[in-house]
Structure formats: structure tokens, C-alpha cells
Amino acid sequence: MRSARKSALVGTTVAALVVVLSGCAVSANRTTSPEGLARVVADSLEKSVGQRPEVDCGDDSIDLQDGNVVHCDVNTAGFDTKYDATVEIGDVDGSKYSVDVQVADTPEE
């Protein structure tokens, strides 16, 4: 009788642990550092305009989720004028992703 109780207790504990762990796996998002996103944004802008800008995407980790929008500051090296860049993350596949970058026409105040 003792081993039947012990087996039932172990089975219940394992089942509870599986539920808890599966809940964590579903809600956990991959992230990238703001510096990592800034490099991807700078690469994209350099490819499209022919000059590599300085990019600052803040201090917080960024969730890699399709449709996630992040605002970064963009400026030309050597100049203090900053522009807001709206960066939409897409095509997320693990730690790989693409960005769609739209830079504002007027500088930030």
C-alpha cells in the first residue's frame, strides 16, 4: 500500500511540474539586446542609404515577436541631430529576425 501512495504522489508531482514548465515555455519570449537591434537597424539603413548611421535603441531587452514595434534614435555620425526611427520586428525564427525601419522626416526636438 505504501508504494502505491508513493507512486501516486510521484505521478502527481511530475504531472504538476510538467504543467508548470510547459506554461513557462509557452510564455517565454526570445529577446535581443538593444545593442543587437541597433546593429541590425544600422545594417538595414546602411544598405538602403549607403551610409552607416549611429543608432540607439535604449537600455531594455527587446522581445523578438512578429509585429513588435520599437523606437530607436538615429543620427549621422558626427552630428547631434537625432531622428526617431520606428522599427517593426518581423519574420522571427528563433533568434533570427528582420526589421522594417521607418525614419521620421523631421528631427526630434
C-alpha atoms as a PDB file:
ATOM      1  CA  MET A   1       0.000   0.000   0.000  1.00  0.00           C
ATOM      2  CA  ARG A   2       2.855   2.313   0.786  1.00  0.00           C
ATOM      3  CA  SER A   3       4.399   2.010  -2.690  1.00  0.00           C
ATOM      4  CA  ALA A   4       1.009   2.714  -4.317  1.00  0.00           C
ATOM      5  CA  ARG A   5       0.748   6.007  -2.380  1.00  0.00           C
ATOM      6  CA  LYS A   6       4.329   6.883  -3.157  1.00  0.00           C
ATOM      7  CA  SER A   7       3.790   6.176  -6.885  1.00  0.00           C
ATOM      8  CA  ALA A   8       0.615   8.274  -6.905  1.00  0.00           C
ATOM      9  CA  LEU A   9       2.399  11.150  -5.133  1.00  0.00           C
ATOM     10  CA  VAL A  10       5.365  10.996  -7.523  1.00  0.00           C
ATOM     11  CA  GLY A  11       3.000  10.857 -10.518  1.00  0.00           C
ATOM     12  CA  THR A  12       1.033  13.866  -9.266  1.00  0.00           C
ATOM     13  CA  THR A  13       4.228  15.830  -8.581  1.00  0.00           C
ATOM     14  CA  VAL A  14       5.652  15.038 -12.019  1.00  0.00           C
ATOM     15  CA  ALA A  15       2.361  15.986 -13.706  1.00  0.00           C
ATOM     16  CA  ALA A  16       2.260  19.303 -11.814  1.00  0.00           C
ATOM     17  CA  LEU A  17       5.883  20.022 -12.749  1.00  0.00           C
ATOM     18  CA  VAL A  18       5.180  19.318 -16.430  1.00  0.00           C
ATOM     19  CA  VAL A  19       2.217  21.734 -16.365  1.00  0.00           C
ATOM     20  CA  VAL A  20       4.313  24.448 -14.692  1.00  0.00           C
ATOM     21  CA  LEU A  21       7.247  24.005 -17.070  1.00  0.00           C
ATOM     22  CA  SER A  22       5.064  23.913 -20.161  1.00  0.00           C
ATOM     23  CA  GLY A  23       3.408  27.155 -19.029  1.00  0.00           C
ATOM     24  CA  CYS A  24       6.814  28.783 -18.750  1.00  0.00           C
ATOM     25  CA  ALA A  25       7.931  27.585 -22.162  1.00  0.00           C
ATOM     26  CA  VAL A  26       4.819  28.952 -23.848  1.00  0.00           C
ATOM     27  CA  SER A  27       5.065  32.408 -22.283  1.00  0.00           C
ATOM     28  CA  ALA A  28       8.829  32.868 -22.629  1.00  0.00           C
ATOM     29  CA  ASN A  29       9.828  35.146 -25.491  1.00  0.00           C
ATOM     30  CA  ARG A  30      13.222  35.321 -27.088  1.00  0.00           C
ATOM     31  CA  THR A  31      14.828  38.700 -26.692  1.00  0.00           C
ATOM     32  CA  THR A  32      17.665  40.688 -28.155  1.00  0.00           C
ATOM     33  CA  SER A  33      19.794  43.362 -26.571  1.00  0.00           C
ATOM     34  CA  PRO A  34      19.206  46.982 -27.565  1.00  0.00           C
ATOM     35  CA  GLU A  35      22.755  46.993 -28.967  1.00  0.00           C
ATOM     36  CA  GLY A  36      21.956  43.929 -31.088  1.00  0.00           C
ATOM     37  CA  LEU A  37      18.829  45.559 -32.501  1.00  0.00           C
ATOM     38  CA  ALA A  38      20.777  48.794 -33.114  1.00  0.00           C
ATOM     39  CA  ARG A  39      23.318  46.851 -35.221  1.00  0.00           C
ATOM     40  CA  VAL A  40      20.549  45.266 -37.303  1.00  0.00           C
ATOM     41  CA  VAL A  41      18.880  48.676 -37.797  1.00  0.00           C
ATOM     42  CA  ALA A  42      22.216  50.318 -38.741  1.00  0.00           C
ATOM     43  CA  ASP A  43      22.922  47.479 -41.211  1.00  0.00           C
ATOM     44  CA  SER A  44      19.495  47.917 -42.796  1.00  0.00           C
ATOM     45  CA  LEU A  45      19.816  51.699 -43.111  1.00  0.00           C
ATOM     46  CA  GLU A  46      23.378  51.479 -44.426  1.00  0.00           C
ATOM     47  CA  LYS A  47      22.200  49.061 -47.099  1.00  0.00           C
ATOM     48  CA  SER A  48      19.351  51.367 -48.178  1.00  0.00           C
ATOM     49  CA  VAL A  49      21.041  54.820 -47.976  1.00  0.00           C
ATOM     50  CA  GLY A  50      24.715  53.969 -48.400  1.00  0.00           C
ATOM     51  CA  GLN A  51      25.884  55.491 -45.117  1.00  0.00           C
ATOM     52  CA  ARG A  52      26.040  53.844 -41.687  1.00  0.00           C
ATOM     53  CA  PRO A  53      24.159  55.848 -39.040  1.00  0.00           C
ATOM     54  CA  GLU A  54      24.569  55.794 -35.288  1.00  0.00           C
ATOM     55  CA  VAL A  55      21.585  54.047 -33.704  1.00  0.00           C
ATOM     56  CA  ASP A  56      20.431  53.956 -30.074  1.00  0.00           C
ATOM     57  CA  CYS A  57      17.579  51.586 -29.190  1.00  0.00           C
ATOM     58  CA  GLY A  58      17.501  52.268 -25.445  1.00  0.00           C
ATOM     59  CA  ASP A  59      18.555  50.158 -22.488  1.00  0.00           C
ATOM     60  CA  ASP A  60      15.941  47.399 -22.177  1.00  0.00           C
ATOM     61  CA  SER A  61      15.906  43.958 -23.783  1.00  0.00           C
ATOM     62  CA  ILE A  62      13.599  43.749 -26.767  1.00  0.00           C
ATOM     63  CA  ASP A  63      11.078  40.941 -27.283  1.00  0.00           C
ATOM     64  CA  LEU A  64      11.508  39.149 -30.584  1.00  0.00           C
ATOM     65  CA  GLN A  65       7.870  38.891 -31.605  1.00  0.00           C
ATOM     66  CA  ASP A  66       6.390  39.432 -35.043  1.00  0.00           C
ATOM     67  CA  GLY A  67       4.859  42.911 -35.112  1.00  0.00           C
ATOM     68  CA  ASN A  68       6.722  44.237 -32.068  1.00  0.00           C
ATOM     69  CA  VAL A  69       7.433  47.960 -32.617  1.00  0.00           C
ATOM     70  CA  VAL A  70      10.464  49.655 -31.067  1.00  0.00           C
ATOM     71  CA  HIS A  71      11.537  53.293 -31.303  1.00  0.00           C
ATOM     72  CA  CYS A  72      15.233  54.000 -31.806  1.00  0.00           C
ATOM     73  CA  ASP A  73      17.172  57.250 -32.169  1.00  0.00           C
ATOM     74  CA  VAL A  74      19.117  57.580 -35.425  1.00  0.00           C
ATOM     75  CA  ASN A  75      21.710  60.171 -36.370  1.00  0.00           C
ATOM     76  CA  THR A  76      24.567  60.645 -38.793  1.00  0.00           C
ATOM     77  CA  ALA A  77      27.983  60.169 -37.182  1.00  0.00           C
ATOM     78  CA  GLY A  78      29.447  63.497 -36.099  1.00  0.00           C
ATOM     79  CA  PHE A  79      26.081  65.284 -35.904  1.00  0.00           C
ATOM     80  CA  ASP A  80      23.851  65.869 -32.880  1.00  0.00           C
ATOM     81  CA  THR A  81      20.571  65.870 -34.799  1.00  0.00           C
ATOM     82  CA  LYS A  82      18.522  62.798 -33.910  1.00  0.00           C
ATOM     83  CA  TYR A  83      15.603  61.295 -35.763  1.00  0.00           C
ATOM     84  CA  ASP A  84      13.018  58.860 -34.423  1.00  0.00           C
ATOM     85  CA  ALA A  85      13.078  55.533 -36.207  1.00  0.00           C
ATOM     86  CA  THR A  86      10.089  53.227 -35.902  1.00  0.00           C
ATOM     87  CA  VAL A  87      11.372  49.663 -36.105  1.00  0.00           C
ATOM     88  CA  GLU A  88       8.956  46.782 -36.650  1.00  0.00           C
ATOM     89  CA  ILE A  89      10.300  43.306 -35.970  1.00  0.00           C
ATOM     90  CA  GLY A  90       9.146  40.516 -38.279  1.00  0.00           C
ATOM     91  CA  ASP A  91       9.941  37.088 -39.685  1.00  0.00           C
ATOM     92  CA  VAL A  92      11.022  35.892 -36.242  1.00  0.00           C
ATOM     93  CA  ASP A  93      12.584  32.433 -36.389  1.00  0.00           C
ATOM     94  CA  GLY A  94      14.308  31.662 -33.093  1.00  0.00           C
ATOM     95  CA  SER A  95      16.956  34.342 -32.660  1.00  0.00           C
ATOM     96  CA  LYS A  96      16.803  35.394 -36.342  1.00  0.00           C
ATOM     97  CA  TYR A  97      14.526  38.237 -37.395  1.00  0.00           C
ATOM     98  CA  SER A  98      14.120  41.049 -39.893  1.00  0.00           C
ATOM     99  CA  VAL A  99      13.294  44.712 -39.375  1.00  0.00           C
ATOM    100  CA  ASP A 100      11.240  47.284 -41.236  1.00  0.00           C
ATOM    101  CA  VAL A 101      12.681  50.720 -40.399  1.00  0.00           C
ATOM    102  CA  GLN A 102      10.863  53.999 -40.972  1.00  0.00           C
ATOM    103  CA  VAL A 103      12.863  57.133 -40.098  1.00  0.00           C
ATOM    104  CA  ALA A 104      10.956  60.338 -39.341  1.00  0.00           C
ATOM    105  CA  ASP A 105      11.240  63.183 -41.873  1.00  0.00           C
ATOM    106  CA  THR A 106      11.880  65.790 -39.172  1.00  0.00           C
ATOM    107  CA  PRO A 107      14.388  65.659 -36.315  1.00  0.00           C
ATOM    108  CA  GLU A 108      13.410  65.197 -32.685  1.00  0.00           C
ATOM    109  CA  GLU A 109      13.174  68.366 -30.649  1.00  0.00           C
END
